[in-house]
Protein backbone atom coordinates (compact mmCIF):
# COMPACT_ATOMS: atom_id res chain seq x y z
CA UNK A 1 -62.89 24.91 24.13
CA UNK A 2 -61.44 22.04 25.29
CA UNK A 3 -63.28 19.62 27.36
CA UNK A 4 -62.74 16.45 29.25
CA UNK A 5 -64.53 13.15 28.33
CA UNK A 6 -67.61 14.38 30.71
CA UNK A 7 -67.99 17.43 28.87
CA UNK A 8 -66.52 19.77 31.75
CA UNK A 9 -64.65 22.75 30.05
CA UNK A 10 -61.00 22.62 30.77
CA UNK A 11 -59.79 25.67 28.67
CA UNK A 12 -60.85 28.18 26.26
CA UNK A 13 -59.17 30.69 23.96
CA UNK A 14 -60.61 33.35 21.66
CA UNK A 15 -59.71 33.80 18.09
CA UNK A 16 -60.76 36.07 15.30
CA UNK A 17 -64.05 35.09 13.96
CA UNK A 18 -62.56 34.78 10.30
CA UNK A 19 -59.45 32.54 11.42
CA UNK A 20 -59.23 28.97 11.42
CA UNK A 21 -59.29 26.92 14.53
CA UNK A 22 -56.49 24.51 14.01
CA UNK A 23 -53.63 26.88 14.71
CA UNK A 24 -55.14 27.10 17.94
CA UNK A 25 -55.43 23.56 18.89
CA UNK A 26 -51.63 23.02 20.23
CA UNK A 27 -51.65 26.16 22.54
CA UNK A 28 -55.30 25.67 23.65
CA UNK A 29 -54.06 22.03 24.65
CA UNK A 30 -50.76 23.54 26.33
CA UNK A 31 -53.29 25.59 28.72
CA UNK A 32 -54.47 22.51 30.37
CA UNK A 33 -51.78 21.12 32.80
CA UNK A 34 -51.68 17.61 32.73
CA UNK A 35 -49.26 15.53 35.03
CA UNK A 36 -47.60 12.37 34.18
CA UNK A 37 -50.53 10.14 35.87
CA UNK A 38 -53.21 11.99 34.21
CA UNK A 39 -52.26 12.20 30.61
CA UNK A 40 -55.43 11.57 28.40
CA UNK A 41 -55.29 8.47 26.44
CA UNK A 42 -56.82 10.13 23.13
CA UNK A 43 -57.93 13.56 21.86
CA UNK A 44 -60.66 13.73 19.26
CA UNK A 45 -61.18 16.42 16.87
CA UNK A 46 -62.91 16.83 13.64
CA UNK A 47 -61.36 16.91 9.94
CA UNK A 48 -60.24 20.44 10.47
CA UNK A 49 -57.56 19.49 13.04
CA UNK A 50 -56.10 16.86 10.80
CA UNK A 51 -52.81 18.68 10.54
CA UNK A 52 -49.14 17.33 11.02
CA UNK A 53 -48.21 20.03 13.71
CA UNK A 54 -51.10 18.62 15.74
CA UNK A 55 -50.52 14.97 15.05
CA UNK A 56 -46.75 15.38 15.97
CA UNK A 57 -47.53 17.25 19.18
CA UNK A 58 -49.93 14.71 20.16
CA UNK A 59 -47.70 11.75 19.41
CA UNK A 60 -44.59 13.36 21.38
CA UNK A 61 -46.74 13.27 24.43
CA UNK A 62 -48.09 9.82 23.85
CA UNK A 63 -51.57 10.61 23.12
CA UNK A 64 -53.66 8.96 20.44
CA UNK A 65 -55.09 11.27 17.75
CA UNK A 66 -58.69 10.29 17.11
CA UNK A 67 -59.04 12.72 14.00
CA UNK A 68 -60.16 11.38 10.47
CA UNK A 69 -58.00 12.55 7.57
CA UNK A 70 -58.95 15.25 5.25
CA UNK A 71 -59.86 14.24 1.63
CA UNK A 72 -56.63 16.25 0.35
CA UNK A 73 -54.65 14.54 2.68
CA UNK A 74 -55.77 10.87 1.39
CA UNK A 75 -54.23 11.82 -2.20
CA UNK A 76 -50.81 13.04 -0.94
CA UNK A 77 -50.16 10.32 1.67
CA UNK A 78 -47.06 8.41 1.39
CA UNK A 79 -46.79 5.13 3.87
CA UNK A 80 -49.34 4.02 5.97
CA UNK A 81 -52.33 5.85 7.48
CA UNK A 82 -52.67 7.16 10.83
CA UNK A 83 -54.56 5.20 13.26
CA UNK A 84 -58.44 5.91 13.45
CA UNK A 85 -60.99 4.39 16.07
CA UNK A 86 -64.45 5.00 14.82
CA UNK A 87 -65.96 4.31 18.06
CA UNK A 88 -63.88 6.51 20.02
CA UNK A 89 -64.70 9.49 17.64
CA UNK A 90 -68.18 8.99 18.30
CA UNK A 91 -67.42 10.43 21.75
CA UNK A 92 -66.55 13.75 20.07
CA UNK A 93 -70.62 14.92 20.55
CA UNK A 94 -69.59 15.56 23.87
CA UNK A 95 -67.77 18.75 22.93
CA UNK A 96 -70.59 19.73 20.61
CA UNK A 97 -72.97 19.56 23.60
CA UNK A 98 -70.59 21.30 25.86
CA UNK A 99 -70.67 24.53 23.14
CA UNK A 100 -74.32 23.99 23.03
CA UNK A 101 -74.56 24.23 26.73
CA UNK A 102 -72.28 27.30 26.67
CA UNK A 103 -74.21 29.07 24.24
CA UNK A 104 -77.62 29.15 26.22
CA UNK A 105 -76.16 32.26 27.67
CA UNK A 106 -77.31 34.99 25.58
CA UNK A 107 -74.34 37.20 26.18
CA UNK A 108 -71.92 34.40 25.14
CA UNK A 109 -73.98 33.24 21.89
CA UNK A 110 -74.36 36.55 20.77
CA UNK A 111 -71.07 38.05 22.06
CA UNK A 112 -72.23 41.45 23.46
CA UNK A 113 -68.66 42.35 24.63
CA UNK A 114 -66.53 44.36 21.94
CA UNK A 115 -62.99 43.36 23.65
CA UNK A 116 -61.81 39.61 23.58
CA UNK A 117 -60.71 40.11 27.33
CA UNK A 118 -64.25 40.75 28.51
CA UNK A 119 -65.78 37.97 26.34
CA UNK A 120 -63.00 35.36 27.71
CA UNK A 121 -63.96 36.67 31.14
CA UNK A 122 -67.56 35.78 30.68
CA UNK A 123 -66.76 32.22 29.26
CA UNK A 124 -64.61 31.48 32.15
CA UNK A 125 -67.26 32.57 34.52
CA UNK A 126 -69.64 30.18 32.79
CA UNK A 127 -66.88 27.31 33.01
CA UNK A 128 -66.50 28.13 36.51
CA UNK A 129 -70.41 27.68 37.17
CA UNK A 130 -70.51 24.34 35.22
CA UNK A 131 -67.62 23.14 37.51
CA UNK A 132 -69.44 24.35 40.57
CA UNK A 133 -72.65 22.88 39.47
CA UNK A 134 -70.90 19.71 38.97
CA UNK A 135 -69.03 19.45 42.36
CA UNK A 136 -71.90 20.44 44.30
CA UNK A 137 -74.42 18.07 42.76
CA UNK A 138 -72.11 15.09 43.69
CA UNK A 139 -71.91 16.18 47.53
CA UNK A 140 -75.44 16.68 48.06
């Protein structure tokens, strides 16, 4: 799941349970249409997302990667290390809270649906519900 800085879900993809998440990072970010003026300043991720293709994709779009390096990358690295801002990285807890919120729905947490298409449908309905709750609470 990809969220904005306020924790609103923007996009979601389903993968196999045994697959690592990092190959799905770029397609997930491509699922969100971002205009020239609304480009995010940075994207935060944990150490599992510290891969060259992800960093390259972000650099090409002038987005700062706030991703700490993995220990195995520290040993093999040549040259200067990528920038890392620890204070911005603390904001990553927003995604953890968003995932915790979305798992409060029993059907999502236990995944009763067998087909990924149906599971994605339930996830997207939960995302719509969150957006409506935020939009309607500001108008009252």
